[in-house]
Amino acid sequence: MSDQSTYVVCLDNAGYLVSLEPRKIYRRLPDDRAENDGLMRVVDESGEDYLYPSRLFAPIDVPEAVERVFSSVA
């Protein structure tokens, strides 16, 4: 992955009402092949990772302390 955040915020959940919540932070997993197709691999509300259109998310930077907390919960 090139210059990509580990975390993203959901901007829109159109078509994925059960799987995604707008304004919620999700973990992004590396998947160069999917991203070449305009998709992003995200751990969604089910706790599993799935592919979603990249346009539904925006990358965010989280402080190291926050990332440690997120990692310990996941």
C-alpha atoms as a PDB file:
ATOM      1  CA  MET A   1       0.000   0.000   0.000  1.00  0.00           C
ATOM      2  CA  SER A   2       1.316   3.382  -0.842  1.00  0.00           C
ATOM      3  CA  ASP A   3       0.680   6.363   1.438  1.00  0.00           C
ATOM      4  CA  GLN A   4      -2.456   4.848   2.950  1.00  0.00           C
ATOM      5  CA  SER A   5      -3.858   5.229   6.419  1.00  0.00           C
ATOM      6  CA  THR A   6      -4.605   2.188   8.538  1.00  0.00           C
ATOM      7  CA  TYR A   7      -7.879   3.809   9.594  1.00  0.00           C
ATOM      8  CA  VAL A   8     -10.670   5.398   7.597  1.00  0.00           C
ATOM      9  CA  VAL A   9     -13.877   7.201   8.462  1.00  0.00           C
ATOM     10  CA  CYS A  10     -17.113   6.210   6.742  1.00  0.00           C
ATOM     11  CA  LEU A  11     -18.552   9.120   4.759  1.00  0.00           C
ATOM     12  CA  ASP A  12     -21.601   7.342   3.362  1.00  0.00           C
ATOM     13  CA  ASN A  13     -23.218   3.943   3.879  1.00  0.00           C
ATOM     14  CA  ALA A  14     -25.630   4.009   0.908  1.00  0.00           C
ATOM     15  CA  GLY A  15     -26.227   0.407  -0.101  1.00  0.00           C
ATOM     16  CA  TYR A  16     -24.538  -0.906   3.049  1.00  0.00           C
ATOM     17  CA  LEU A  17     -26.890   0.232   5.827  1.00  0.00           C
ATOM     18  CA  VAL A  18     -26.300  -2.822   8.043  1.00  0.00           C
ATOM     19  CA  SER A  19     -22.566  -3.102   7.429  1.00  0.00           C
ATOM     20  CA  LEU A  20     -21.370   0.485   7.796  1.00  0.00           C
ATOM     21  CA  GLU A  21     -22.177   3.539   9.934  1.00  0.00           C
ATOM     22  CA  PRO A  22     -21.476   7.066   8.704  1.00  0.00           C
ATOM     23  CA  ARG A  23     -18.913   8.992  10.779  1.00  0.00           C
ATOM     24  CA  LYS A  24     -17.582   5.766  12.321  1.00  0.00           C
ATOM     25  CA  ILE A  25     -13.888   4.865  12.184  1.00  0.00           C
ATOM     26  CA  TYR A  26     -13.003   1.534  10.571  1.00  0.00           C
ATOM     27  CA  ARG A  27      -9.763  -0.386  10.206  1.00  0.00           C
ATOM     28  CA  ARG A  28      -8.462  -0.642   6.666  1.00  0.00           C
ATOM     29  CA  LEU A  29      -6.518  -3.713   5.602  1.00  0.00           C
ATOM     30  CA  PRO A  30      -3.936  -3.741   2.808  1.00  0.00           C
ATOM     31  CA  ASP A  31      -5.212  -5.018  -0.537  1.00  0.00           C
ATOM     32  CA  ASP A  32      -3.392  -3.444  -3.474  1.00  0.00           C
ATOM     33  CA  ARG A  33      -5.311  -5.467  -6.054  1.00  0.00           C
ATOM     34  CA  ALA A  34      -8.697  -4.319  -4.736  1.00  0.00           C
ATOM     35  CA  GLU A  35      -7.534  -0.724  -4.481  1.00  0.00           C
ATOM     36  CA  ASN A  36      -6.473  -0.789  -8.126  1.00  0.00           C
ATOM     37  CA  ASP A  37     -10.148  -1.538  -8.825  1.00  0.00           C
ATOM     38  CA  GLY A  38     -11.399   1.369  -6.676  1.00  0.00           C
ATOM     39  CA  LEU A  39     -12.232  -0.819  -3.688  1.00  0.00           C
ATOM     40  CA  MET A  40     -11.067  -0.836  -0.088  1.00  0.00           C
ATOM     41  CA  ARG A  41     -10.838  -3.785   2.325  1.00  0.00           C
ATOM     42  CA  VAL A  42     -12.429  -2.700   5.613  1.00  0.00           C
ATOM     43  CA  VAL A  43     -13.326  -4.520   8.834  1.00  0.00           C
ATOM     44  CA  ASP A  44     -17.036  -3.687   9.060  1.00  0.00           C
ATOM     45  CA  GLU A  45     -19.778  -4.038  11.684  1.00  0.00           C
ATOM     46  CA  SER A  46     -19.722  -7.834  11.346  1.00  0.00           C
ATOM     47  CA  GLY A  47     -16.117  -7.891  12.554  1.00  0.00           C
ATOM     48  CA  GLU A  48     -15.039  -9.421   9.244  1.00  0.00           C
ATOM     49  CA  ASP A  49     -13.220  -7.712   6.395  1.00  0.00           C
ATOM     50  CA  TYR A  50     -15.035  -7.016   3.134  1.00  0.00           C
ATOM     51  CA  LEU A  51     -14.479  -4.937   0.043  1.00  0.00           C
ATOM     52  CA  TYR A  52     -16.332  -1.638  -0.332  1.00  0.00           C
ATOM     53  CA  PRO A  53     -16.122   1.218  -2.819  1.00  0.00           C
ATOM     54  CA  SER A  54     -13.285   3.531  -1.760  1.00  0.00           C
ATOM     55  CA  ARG A  55     -15.527   6.575  -2.288  1.00  0.00           C
ATOM     56  CA  LEU A  56     -17.420   5.634   0.893  1.00  0.00           C
ATOM     57  CA  PHE A  57     -14.379   6.382   3.084  1.00  0.00           C
ATOM     58  CA  ALA A  58     -11.745   9.003   3.830  1.00  0.00           C
ATOM     59  CA  PRO A  59      -8.350   8.085   5.282  1.00  0.00           C
ATOM     60  CA  ILE A  60      -7.530   9.540   8.685  1.00  0.00           C
ATOM     61  CA  ASP A  61      -4.402   9.774  10.799  1.00  0.00           C
ATOM     62  CA  VAL A  62      -4.789   8.755  14.422  1.00  0.00           C
ATOM     63  CA  PRO A  63      -2.277   9.471  17.178  1.00  0.00           C
ATOM     64  CA  GLU A  64      -0.063   6.571  18.192  1.00  0.00           C
ATOM     65  CA  ALA A  65      -1.796   6.255  21.593  1.00  0.00           C
ATOM     66  CA  VAL A  66      -5.190   5.957  19.885  1.00  0.00           C
ATOM     67  CA  GLU A  67      -3.858   3.371  17.438  1.00  0.00           C
ATOM     68  CA  ARG A  68      -2.604   1.270  20.367  1.00  0.00           C
ATOM     69  CA  VAL A  69      -6.065   1.382  21.943  1.00  0.00           C
ATOM     70  CA  PHE A  70      -7.729   0.433  18.639  1.00  0.00           C
ATOM     71  CA  SER A  71      -5.270  -2.421  18.152  1.00  0.00           C
ATOM     72  CA  SER A  72      -5.851  -3.825  21.625  1.00  0.00           C
ATOM     73  CA  VAL A  73      -9.626  -3.928  21.070  1.00  0.00           C
ATOM     74  CA  ALA A  74      -9.499  -5.527  17.613  1.00  0.00           C
END
